[in-house]
PDB file of all heavy atoms in Angstrom:
ATOM      1  N   ASN A   1     146.424 164.768 222.553  1.00  0.00           N
ATOM      2  CA  ASN A   1     147.233 165.971 222.619  1.00  0.00           C
ATOM      3  C   ASN A   1     147.950 166.059 223.954  1.00  0.00           C
ATOM      4  O   ASN A   1     147.568 165.410 224.931  1.00  0.00           O
ATOM      5  CB  ASN A   1     146.360 167.213 222.424  1.00  0.00           C
ATOM      6  CG  ASN A   1     145.713 167.281 221.060  1.00  0.00           C
ATOM      7  OD1 ASN A   1     146.255 166.791 220.070  1.00  0.00           O
ATOM      8  ND2 ASN A   1     144.547 167.910 220.991  1.00  0.00           N
ATOM      9  N   SER A   2     148.974 166.883 223.982  1.00  0.00           N
ATOM     10  CA  SER A   2     149.732 167.113 225.213  1.00  0.00           C
ATOM     11  C   SER A   2     150.119 165.803 225.882  1.00  0.00           C
ATOM     12  O   SER A   2     149.910 165.600 227.082  1.00  0.00           O
ATOM     13  CB  SER A   2     148.909 167.987 226.179  1.00  0.00           C
ATOM     14  OG  SER A   2     148.575 169.226 225.589  1.00  0.00           O
ATOM     15  N   LEU A   3     150.692 164.926 225.103  1.00  0.00           N
ATOM     16  CA  LEU A   3     151.030 163.599 225.611  1.00  0.00           C
ATOM     17  C   LEU A   3     151.990 163.670 226.786  1.00  0.00           C
ATOM     18  O   LEU A   3     152.883 164.520 226.838  1.00  0.00           O
ATOM     19  CB  LEU A   3     151.635 162.755 224.501  1.00  0.00           C
ATOM     20  CG  LEU A   3     150.633 162.198 223.486  1.00  0.00           C
ATOM     21  CD1 LEU A   3     151.358 161.704 222.242  1.00  0.00           C
ATOM     22  CD2 LEU A   3     149.814 161.070 224.115  1.00  0.00           C
ATOM     23  N   LYS A   4     151.777 162.754 227.702  1.00  0.00           N
ATOM     24  CA  LYS A   4     152.612 162.629 228.878  1.00  0.00           C
ATOM     25  C   LYS A   4     153.268 161.253 228.887  1.00  0.00           C
ATOM     26  O   LYS A   4     152.761 160.309 228.274  1.00  0.00           O
ATOM     27  CB  LYS A   4     151.784 162.797 230.151  1.00  0.00           C
ATOM     28  CG  LYS A   4     151.071 164.128 230.273  1.00  0.00           C
ATOM     29  CD  LYS A   4     150.230 164.169 231.541  1.00  0.00           C
ATOM     30  CE  LYS A   4     149.532 165.500 231.694  1.00  0.00           C
ATOM     31  NZ  LYS A   4     148.713 165.554 232.931  1.00  0.00           N
ATOM     32  N   VAL A   5     154.352 161.144 229.585  1.00  0.00           N
ATOM     33  CA  VAL A   5     155.037 159.859 229.707  1.00  0.00           C
ATOM     34  C   VAL A   5     154.075 158.802 230.255  1.00  0.00           C
ATOM     35  O   VAL A   5     154.124 157.635 229.841  1.00  0.00           O
ATOM     36  CB  VAL A   5     156.277 159.983 230.606  1.00  0.00           C
ATOM     37  CG1 VAL A   5     156.892 158.617 230.882  1.00  0.00           C
ATOM     38  CG2 VAL A   5     157.302 160.903 229.963  1.00  0.00           C
ATOM     39  N   GLU A   6     153.195 159.212 231.146  1.00  0.00           N
ATOM     40  CA  GLU A   6     152.234 158.298 231.747  1.00  0.00           C
ATOM     41  C   GLU A   6     151.225 157.728 230.756  1.00  0.00           C
ATOM     42  O   GLU A   6     150.507 156.777 231.077  1.00  0.00           O
ATOM     43  CB  GLU A   6     151.468 158.987 232.879  1.00  0.00           C
ATOM     44  CG  GLU A   6     152.359 159.638 233.923  1.00  0.00           C
ATOM     45  CD  GLU A   6     152.617 161.099 233.625  1.00  0.00           C
ATOM     46  OE1 GLU A   6     153.556 161.394 232.857  1.00  0.00           O
ATOM     47  OE2 GLU A   6     151.872 161.945 234.171  1.00  0.00           O
ATOM     48  N   ASP A   7     151.150 158.304 229.558  1.00  0.00           N
ATOM     49  CA  ASP A   7     150.251 157.801 228.531  1.00  0.00           C
ATOM     50  C   ASP A   7     150.827 156.601 227.790  1.00  0.00           C
ATOM     51  O   ASP A   7     150.135 155.985 226.970  1.00  0.00           O
ATOM     52  CB  ASP A   7     149.920 158.898 227.513  1.00  0.00           C
ATOM     53  CG  ASP A   7     149.158 160.052 228.127  1.00  0.00           C
ATOM     54  OD1 ASP A   7     148.252 159.799 228.952  1.00  0.00           O
ATOM     55  OD2 ASP A   7     149.461 161.208 227.785  1.00  0.00           O
ATOM     56  N   THR A   8     152.064 156.284 228.047  1.00  0.00           N
ATOM     57  CA  THR A   8     152.703 155.147 227.394  1.00  0.00           C
ATOM     58  C   THR A   8     151.948 153.861 227.715  1.00  0.00           C
ATOM     59  O   THR A   8     151.752 153.512 228.881  1.00  0.00           O
ATOM     60  CB  THR A   8     154.162 155.017 227.845  1.00  0.00           C
ATOM     61  OG1 THR A   8     154.897 156.157 227.410  1.00  0.00           O
ATOM     62  CG2 THR A   8     154.802 153.767 227.264  1.00  0.00           C
ATOM     63  N   ALA A   9     151.508 153.179 226.673  1.00  0.00           N
ATOM     64  CA  ALA A   9     150.725 151.960 226.854  1.00  0.00           C
ATOM     65  C   ALA A   9     150.412 151.352 225.503  1.00  0.00           C
ATOM     66  O   ALA A   9     150.611 151.974 224.456  1.00  0.00           O
ATOM     67  CB  ALA A   9     149.414 152.256 227.594  1.00  0.00           C
ATOM     68  N   LEU A  10     149.904 150.143 225.542  1.00  0.00           N
ATOM     69  CA  LEU A  10     149.339 149.512 224.366  1.00  0.00           C
ATOM     70  C   LEU A  10     147.865 149.907 224.336  1.00  0.00           C
ATOM     71  O   LEU A  10     147.133 149.645 225.299  1.00  0.00           O
ATOM     72  CB  LEU A  10     149.488 147.991 224.447  1.00  0.00           C
ATOM     73  CG  LEU A  10     149.077 147.188 223.218  1.00  0.00           C
ATOM     74  CD1 LEU A  10     149.995 147.511 222.040  1.00  0.00           C
ATOM     75  CD2 LEU A  10     149.132 145.695 223.519  1.00  0.00           C
ATOM     76  N   TYR A  11     147.452 150.546 223.264  1.00  0.00           N
ATOM     77  CA  TYR A  11     146.089 151.056 223.152  1.00  0.00           C
ATOM     78  C   TYR A  11     145.226 150.127 222.310  1.00  0.00           C
ATOM     79  O   TYR A  11     145.602 149.738 221.203  1.00  0.00           O
ATOM     80  CB  TYR A  11     146.090 152.453 222.529  1.00  0.00           C
ATOM     81  CG  TYR A  11     146.503 153.530 223.498  1.00  0.00           C
ATOM     82  CD1 TYR A  11     147.825 153.640 223.914  1.00  0.00           C
ATOM     83  CD2 TYR A  11     145.570 154.423 224.017  1.00  0.00           C
ATOM     84  CE1 TYR A  11     148.207 154.615 224.824  1.00  0.00           C
ATOM     85  CE2 TYR A  11     145.946 155.404 224.922  1.00  0.00           C
ATOM     86  CZ  TYR A  11     147.263 155.494 225.322  1.00  0.00           C
ATOM     87  OH  TYR A  11     147.636 156.463 226.221  1.00  0.00           O
ATOM     88  N   TYR A  12     144.065 149.798 222.842  1.00  0.00           N
ATOM     89  CA  TYR A  12     143.130 148.901 222.183  1.00  0.00           C
ATOM     90  C   TYR A  12     141.857 149.620 221.784  1.00  0.00           C
ATOM     91  O   TYR A  12     141.338 150.449 222.539  1.00  0.00           O
ATOM     92  CB  TYR A  12     142.724 147.756 223.114  1.00  0.00           C
ATOM     93  CG  TYR A  12     143.844 146.846 223.546  1.00  0.00           C
ATOM     94  CD1 TYR A  12     144.575 147.108 224.695  1.00  0.00           C
ATOM     95  CD2 TYR A  12     144.147 145.702 222.812  1.00  0.00           C
ATOM     96  CE1 TYR A  12     145.589 146.263 225.105  1.00  0.00           C
ATOM     97  CE2 TYR A  12     145.159 144.851 223.223  1.00  0.00           C
ATOM     98  CZ  TYR A  12     145.875 145.137 224.370  1.00  0.00           C
ATOM     99  OH  TYR A  12     146.874 144.288 224.778  1.00  0.00           O
ATOM    100  N   CYS A  13     141.361 149.273 220.632  1.00  0.00           N
ATOM    101  CA  CYS A  13     140.053 149.714 220.185  1.00  0.00           C
ATOM    102  C   CYS A  13     139.068 148.576 220.427  1.00  0.00           C
ATOM    103  O   CYS A  13     139.394 147.416 220.201  1.00  0.00           O
ATOM    104  CB  CYS A  13     140.103 150.064 218.694  1.00  0.00           C
ATOM    105  SG  CYS A  13     138.510 150.463 217.944  1.00  0.00           S
ATOM    106  N   ALA A  14     137.880 148.904 220.885  1.00  0.00           N
ATOM    107  CA  ALA A  14     136.883 147.888 221.160  1.00  0.00           C
ATOM    108  C   ALA A  14     135.508 148.335 220.692  1.00  0.00           C
ATOM    109  O   ALA A  14     135.165 149.519 220.783  1.00  0.00           O
ATOM    110  CB  ALA A  14     136.844 147.578 222.661  1.00  0.00           C
ATOM    111  N   ALA A  15     134.733 147.385 220.216  1.00  0.00           N
ATOM    112  CA  ALA A  15     133.371 147.634 219.766  1.00  0.00           C
ATOM    113  C   ALA A  15     132.411 146.833 220.616  1.00  0.00           C
ATOM    114  O   ALA A  15     132.651 145.657 220.890  1.00  0.00           O
ATOM    115  CB  ALA A  15     133.217 147.251 218.296  1.00  0.00           C
ATOM    116  N   GLY A  16     131.320 147.461 221.010  1.00  0.00           N
ATOM    117  CA  GLY A  16     130.365 146.802 221.878  1.00  0.00           C
ATOM    118  C   GLY A  16     128.976 146.728 221.301  1.00  0.00           C
ATOM    119  O   GLY A  16     128.407 147.748 220.897  1.00  0.00           O
ATOM    120  N   LEU A  17     128.421 145.525 221.290  1.00  0.00           N
ATOM    121  CA  LEU A  17     127.046 145.307 220.866  1.00  0.00           C
ATOM    122  C   LEU A  17     126.159 144.888 222.029  1.00  0.00           C
ATOM    123  O   LEU A  17     124.952 144.760 221.863  1.00  0.00           O
ATOM    124  CB  LEU A  17     126.987 144.249 219.767  1.00  0.00           C
ATOM    125  CG  LEU A  17     127.707 144.588 218.460  1.00  0.00           C
ATOM    126  CD1 LEU A  17     127.606 143.414 217.489  1.00  0.00           C
ATOM    127  CD2 LEU A  17     127.108 145.837 217.832  1.00  0.00           C
ATOM    128  N   ILE A  18     126.752 144.650 223.180  1.00  0.00           N
ATOM    129  CA  ILE A  18     125.987 144.267 224.353  1.00  0.00           C
ATOM    130  C   ILE A  18     125.140 145.432 224.827  1.00  0.00           C
ATOM    131  O   ILE A  18     123.960 145.288 225.128  1.00  0.00           O
ATOM    132  CB  ILE A  18     126.919 143.777 225.481  1.00  0.00           C
ATOM    133  CG1 ILE A  18     127.695 142.548 225.019  1.00  0.00           C
ATOM    134  CG2 ILE A  18     126.129 143.485 226.750  1.00  0.00           C
ATOM    135  CD1 ILE A  18     128.772 142.111 225.997  1.00  0.00           C
ATOM    136  N   SER A  19     125.774 146.573 224.909  1.00  0.00           N
ATOM    137  CA  SER A  19     125.093 147.812 225.253  1.00  0.00           C
ATOM    138  C   SER A  19     125.555 148.888 224.292  1.00  0.00           C
ATOM    139  O   SER A  19     126.754 149.012 224.023  1.00  0.00           O
ATOM    140  CB  SER A  19     125.402 148.229 226.692  1.00  0.00           C
ATOM    141  OG  SER A  19     124.860 149.500 226.982  1.00  0.00           O
ATOM    142  N   LEU A  20     124.625 149.638 223.769  1.00  0.00           N
ATOM    143  CA  LEU A  20     124.977 150.695 222.831  1.00  0.00           C
ATOM    144  C   LEU A  20     125.274 152.019 223.524  1.00  0.00           C
ATOM    145  O   LEU A  20     125.642 152.993 222.869  1.00  0.00           O
ATOM    146  CB  LEU A  20     123.869 150.873 221.799  1.00  0.00           C
ATOM    147  CG  LEU A  20     123.594 149.644 220.925  1.00  0.00           C
ATOM    148  CD1 LEU A  20     122.526 149.958 219.887  1.00  0.00           C
ATOM    149  CD2 LEU A  20     124.866 149.158 220.248  1.00  0.00           C
ATOM    150  N   GLY A  21     125.134 152.038 224.827  1.00  0.00           N
ATOM    151  CA  GLY A  21     125.512 153.205 225.576  1.00  0.00           C
ATOM    152  C   GLY A  21     127.016 153.274 225.711  1.00  0.00           C
ATOM    153  O   GLY A  21     127.742 152.315 225.407  1.00  0.00           O
ATOM    154  N   CYS A  22     127.507 154.391 226.172  1.00  0.00           N
ATOM    155  CA  CYS A  22     128.942 154.601 226.296  1.00  0.00           C
ATOM    156  C   CYS A  22     129.396 154.330 227.726  1.00  0.00           C
ATOM    157  O   CYS A  22     128.849 154.889 228.679  1.00  0.00           O
ATOM    158  CB  CYS A  22     129.287 156.034 225.897  1.00  0.00           C
ATOM    159  SG  CYS A  22     131.024 156.458 226.083  1.00  0.00           S
ATOM    160  N   GLY A  23     130.397 153.476 227.852  1.00  0.00           N
ATOM    161  CA  GLY A  23     130.946 153.188 229.161  1.00  0.00           C
ATOM    162  C   GLY A  23     132.389 152.769 229.063  1.00  0.00           C
ATOM    163  O   GLY A  23     132.880 152.398 227.997  1.00  0.00           O
ATOM    164  N   LEU A  24     133.093 152.837 230.180  1.00  0.00           N
ATOM    165  CA  LEU A  24     134.502 152.467 230.230  1.00  0.00           C
ATOM    166  C   LEU A  24     134.721 151.111 230.879  1.00  0.00           C
ATOM    167  O   LEU A  24     135.850 150.769 231.233  1.00  0.00           O
ATOM    168  CB  LEU A  24     135.290 153.553 230.979  1.00  0.00           C
ATOM    169  CG  LEU A  24     135.258 154.938 230.328  1.00  0.00           C
ATOM    170  CD1 LEU A  24     136.041 155.932 231.173  1.00  0.00           C
ATOM    171  CD2 LEU A  24     135.819 154.885 228.904  1.00  0.00           C
ATOM    172  N   ASP A  25     133.674 150.342 231.003  1.00  0.00           N
ATOM    173  CA  ASP A  25     133.745 148.982 231.509  1.00  0.00           C
ATOM    174  C   ASP A  25     133.974 148.040 230.339  1.00  0.00           C
ATOM    175  O   ASP A  25     133.160 147.979 229.422  1.00  0.00           O
ATOM    176  CB  ASP A  25     132.454 148.631 232.240  1.00  0.00           C
ATOM    177  CG  ASP A  25     132.506 147.280 232.930  1.00  0.00           C
ATOM    178  OD1 ASP A  25     133.368 146.446 232.593  1.00  0.00           O
ATOM    179  OD2 ASP A  25     131.665 147.047 233.819  1.00  0.00           O
ATOM    180  N   GLU A  26     135.064 147.302 230.353  1.00  0.00           N
ATOM    181  CA  GLU A  26     135.395 146.453 229.218  1.00  0.00           C
ATOM    182  C   GLU A  26     134.403 145.317 229.005  1.00  0.00           C
ATOM    183  O   GLU A  26     134.351 144.745 227.909  1.00  0.00           O
ATOM    184  CB  GLU A  26     136.811 145.897 229.332  1.00  0.00           C
ATOM    185  CG  GLU A  26     137.055 144.951 230.480  1.00  0.00           C
ATOM    186  CD  GLU A  26     138.501 144.476 230.482  1.00  0.00           C
ATOM    187  OE1 GLU A  26     139.394 145.340 230.575  1.00  0.00           O
ATOM    188  OE2 GLU A  26     138.730 143.261 230.368  1.00  0.00           O
ATOM    189  N   ARG A  27     133.601 145.016 230.006  1.00  0.00           N
ATOM    190  CA  ARG A  27     132.583 143.979 229.856  1.00  0.00           C
ATOM    191  C   ARG A  27     131.495 144.392 228.878  1.00  0.00           C
ATOM    192  O   ARG A  27     130.722 143.555 228.417  1.00  0.00           O
ATOM    193  CB  ARG A  27     131.964 143.645 231.212  1.00  0.00           C
ATOM    194  CG  ARG A  27     132.926 142.993 232.187  1.00  0.00           C
ATOM    195  CD  ARG A  27     132.299 142.796 233.553  1.00  0.00           C
ATOM    196  NE  ARG A  27     131.964 144.074 234.169  1.00  0.00           N
ATOM    197  CZ  ARG A  27     131.398 144.191 235.363  1.00  0.00           C
ATOM    198  NH1 ARG A  27     131.104 143.098 236.075  1.00  0.00           N
ATOM    199  NH2 ARG A  27     131.132 145.388 235.860  1.00  0.00           N
ATOM    200  N   GLN A  28     131.451 145.640 228.541  1.00  0.00           N
ATOM    201  CA  GLN A  28     130.480 146.180 227.602  1.00  0.00           C
ATOM    202  C   GLN A  28     130.843 145.870 226.146  1.00  0.00           C
ATOM    203  O   GLN A  28     130.001 146.028 225.259  1.00  0.00           O
ATOM    204  CB  GLN A  28     130.386 147.697 227.806  1.00  0.00           C
ATOM    205  CG  GLN A  28     129.402 148.427 226.934  1.00  0.00           C
ATOM    206  CD  GLN A  28     129.355 149.910 227.236  1.00  0.00           C
ATOM    207  OE1 GLN A  28     129.767 150.354 228.315  1.00  0.00           O
ATOM    208  NE2 GLN A  28     128.849 150.695 226.298  1.00  0.00           N
ATOM    209  N   TYR A  29     132.064 145.413 225.907  1.00  0.00           N
ATOM    210  CA  TYR A  29     132.569 145.301 224.551  1.00  0.00           C
ATOM    211  C   TYR A  29     132.785 143.861 224.102  1.00  0.00           C
ATOM    212  O   TYR A  29     133.275 143.020 224.859  1.00  0.00           O
ATOM    213  CB  TYR A  29     133.861 146.115 224.415  1.00  0.00           C
ATOM    214  CG  TYR A  29     133.616 147.570 224.725  1.00  0.00           C
ATOM    215  CD1 TYR A  29     133.753 148.061 226.012  1.00  0.00           C
ATOM    216  CD2 TYR A  29     133.182 148.438 223.725  1.00  0.00           C
ATOM    217  CE1 TYR A  29     133.474 149.389 226.301  1.00  0.00           C
ATOM    218  CE2 TYR A  29     132.899 149.765 224.009  1.00  0.00           C
ATOM    219  CZ  TYR A  29     133.046 150.235 225.296  1.00  0.00           C
ATOM    220  OH  TYR A  29     132.764 151.553 225.587  1.00  0.00           O
ATOM    221  N   ASN A  30     132.442 143.608 222.862  1.00  0.00           N
ATOM    222  CA  ASN A  30     132.490 142.269 222.292  1.00  0.00           C
ATOM    223  C   ASN A  30     133.733 142.006 221.458  1.00  0.00           C
ATOM    224  O   ASN A  30     134.279 140.894 221.459  1.00  0.00           O
ATOM    225  CB  ASN A  30     131.278 142.027 221.383  1.00  0.00           C
ATOM    226  CG  ASN A  30     129.958 142.262 222.067  1.00  0.00           C
ATOM    227  OD1 ASN A  30     129.449 143.389 222.083  1.00  0.00           O
ATOM    228  ND2 ASN A  30     129.389 141.197 222.630  1.00  0.00           N
ATOM    229  N   TYR A  31     134.165 143.000 220.711  1.00  0.00           N
ATOM    230  CA  TYR A  31     135.232 142.820 219.742  1.00  0.00           C
ATOM    231  C   TYR A  31     136.393 143.744 220.039  1.00  0.00           C
ATOM    232  O   TYR A  31     136.205 144.940 220.291  1.00  0.00           O
ATOM    233  CB  TYR A  31     134.705 143.076 218.324  1.00  0.00           C
ATOM    234  CG  TYR A  31     133.507 142.229 217.981  1.00  0.00           C
ATOM    235  CD1 TYR A  31     132.230 142.775 217.960  1.00  0.00           C
ATOM    236  CD2 TYR A  31     133.651 140.879 217.689  1.00  0.00           C
ATOM    237  CE1 TYR A  31     131.129 142.000 217.657  1.00  0.00           C
ATOM    238  CE2 TYR A  31     132.554 140.094 217.395  1.00  0.00           C
ATOM    239  CZ  TYR A  31     131.296 140.658 217.376  1.00  0.00           C
ATOM    240  OH  TYR A  31     130.197 139.880 217.074  1.00  0.00           O
ATOM    241  N   TRP A  32     137.585 143.179 219.975  1.00  0.00           N
ATOM    242  CA  TRP A  32     138.796 143.900 220.345  1.00  0.00           C
ATOM    243  C   TRP A  32     139.864 143.810 219.279  1.00  0.00           C
ATOM    244  O   TRP A  32     140.030 142.768 218.638  1.00  0.00           O
ATOM    245  CB  TRP A  32     139.363 143.333 221.647  1.00  0.00           C
ATOM    246  CG  TRP A  32     138.483 143.549 222.830  1.00  0.00           C
ATOM    247  CD1 TRP A  32     137.353 142.865 223.149  1.00  0.00           C
ATOM    248  CD2 TRP A  32     138.671 144.528 223.854  1.00  0.00           C
ATOM    249  NE1 TRP A  32     136.818 143.355 224.318  1.00  0.00           N
ATOM    250  CE2 TRP A  32     137.599 144.371 224.768  1.00  0.00           C
ATOM    251  CE3 TRP A  32     139.629 145.507 224.088  1.00  0.00           C
ATOM    252  CZ2 TRP A  32     137.475 145.176 225.907  1.00  0.00           C
ATOM    253  CZ3 TRP A  32     139.510 146.304 225.213  1.00  0.00           C
ATOM    254  CH2 TRP A  32     138.439 146.126 226.109  1.00  0.00           C
ATOM    255  N   GLY A  33     140.598 144.899 219.109  1.00  0.00           N
ATOM    256  CA  GLY A  33     141.745 144.886 218.233  1.00  0.00           C
ATOM    257  C   GLY A  33     142.956 144.313 218.937  1.00  0.00           C
ATOM    258  O   GLY A  33     142.922 143.978 220.120  1.00  0.00           O
ATOM    259  N   GLN A  34     144.051 144.209 218.200  1.00  0.00           N
ATOM    260  CA  GLN A  34     145.283 143.643 218.735  1.00  0.00           C
ATOM    261  C   GLN A  34     146.108 144.656 219.511  1.00  0.00           C
ATOM    262  O   GLN A  34     147.001 144.284 220.263  1.00  0.00           O
ATOM    263  CB  GLN A  34     146.133 143.065 217.601  1.00  0.00           C
ATOM    264  CG  GLN A  34     145.483 141.919 216.843  1.00  0.00           C
ATOM    265  CD  GLN A  34     145.627 140.587 217.532  1.00  0.00           C
ATOM    266  OE1 GLN A  34     145.564 140.481 218.768  1.00  0.00           O
ATOM    267  NE2 GLN A  34     145.812 139.539 216.755  1.00  0.00           N
ATOM    268  N   GLY A  35     145.816 145.919 219.335  1.00  0.00           N
ATOM    269  CA  GLY A  35     146.519 146.964 220.045  1.00  0.00           C
ATOM    270  C   GLY A  35     147.542 147.679 219.186  1.00  0.00           C
ATOM    271  O   GLY A  35     148.107 147.107 218.263  1.00  0.00           O
ATOM    272  N   THR A  36     147.781 148.935 219.515  1.00  0.00           N
ATOM    273  CA  THR A  36     148.817 149.723 218.866  1.00  0.00           C
ATOM    274  C   THR A  36     149.609 150.438 219.956  1.00  0.00           C
ATOM    275  O   THR A  36     149.033 150.991 220.892  1.00  0.00           O
ATOM    276  CB  THR A  36     148.214 150.717 217.841  1.00  0.00           C
ATOM    277  OG1 THR A  36     149.262 151.394 217.144  1.00  0.00           O
ATOM    278  CG2 THR A  36     147.313 151.750 218.516  1.00  0.00           C
ATOM    279  N   GLN A  37     150.915 150.390 219.845  1.00  0.00           N
ATOM    280  CA  GLN A  37     151.778 150.878 220.914  1.00  0.00           C
ATOM    281  C   GLN A  37     152.006 152.380 220.826  1.00  0.00           C
ATOM    282  O   GLN A  37     152.379 152.906 219.777  1.00  0.00           O
ATOM    283  CB  GLN A  37     153.131 150.153 220.873  1.00  0.00           C
ATOM    284  CG  GLN A  37     154.118 150.599 221.951  1.00  0.00           C
ATOM    285  CD  GLN A  37     153.668 150.215 223.346  1.00  0.00           C
ATOM    286  OE1 GLN A  37     153.138 149.126 223.550  1.00  0.00           O
ATOM    287  NE2 GLN A  37     153.878 151.112 224.303  1.00  0.00           N
ATOM    288  N   VAL A  38     151.808 153.044 221.942  1.00  0.00           N
ATOM    289  CA  VAL A  38     152.128 154.461 222.084  1.00  0.00           C
ATOM    290  C   VAL A  38     153.205 154.577 223.143  1.00  0.00           C
ATOM    291  O   VAL A  38     153.033 154.106 224.267  1.00  0.00           O
ATOM    292  CB  VAL A  38     150.903 155.288 222.502  1.00  0.00           C
ATOM    293  CG1 VAL A  38     151.312 156.730 222.829  1.00  0.00           C
ATOM    294  CG2 VAL A  38     149.856 155.275 221.400  1.00  0.00           C
ATOM    295  N   THR A  39     154.316 155.175 222.775  1.00  0.00           N
ATOM    296  CA  THR A  39     155.417 155.357 223.705  1.00  0.00           C
ATOM    297  C   THR A  39     155.787 156.831 223.748  1.00  0.00           C
ATOM    298  O   THR A  39     156.120 157.419 222.720  1.00  0.00           O
ATOM    299  CB  THR A  39     156.639 154.522 223.293  1.00  0.00           C
ATOM    300  OG1 THR A  39     156.283 153.136 223.242  1.00  0.00           O
ATOM    301  CG2 THR A  39     157.776 154.705 224.286  1.00  0.00           C
ATOM    302  N   VAL A  40     155.724 157.401 224.929  1.00  0.00           N
ATOM    303  CA  VAL A  40     155.998 158.822 225.114  1.00  0.00           C
ATOM    304  C   VAL A  40     157.254 158.985 225.948  1.00  0.00           C
ATOM    305  O   VAL A  40     157.352 158.433 227.048  1.00  0.00           O
ATOM    306  CB  VAL A  40     154.824 159.538 225.791  1.00  0.00           C
ATOM    307  CG1 VAL A  40     155.098 161.036 225.871  1.00  0.00           C
ATOM    308  CG2 VAL A  40     153.528 159.272 225.028  1.00  0.00           C
ATOM    309  N   SER A  41     158.185 159.744 225.431  1.00  0.00           N
ATOM    310  CA  SER A  41     159.447 159.986 226.111  1.00  0.00           C
ATOM    311  C   SER A  41     159.539 161.441 226.546  1.00  0.00           C
ATOM    312  O   SER A  41     159.011 162.344 225.888  1.00  0.00           O
ATOM    313  CB  SER A  41     160.627 159.661 225.196  1.00  0.00           C
ATOM    314  OG  SER A  41     160.610 158.305 224.806  1.00  0.00           O
TER     315      SER A  41
END
């Protein structure tokens, strides 16, 4: 919500089996999508 121009990016979804806890470290994740583009003007 309330998108900003700064949110423009390729967004990836990732699944992690290394640790089932929640973290923002990409080393925690095993499987990655190809990305979906979000462009805010």
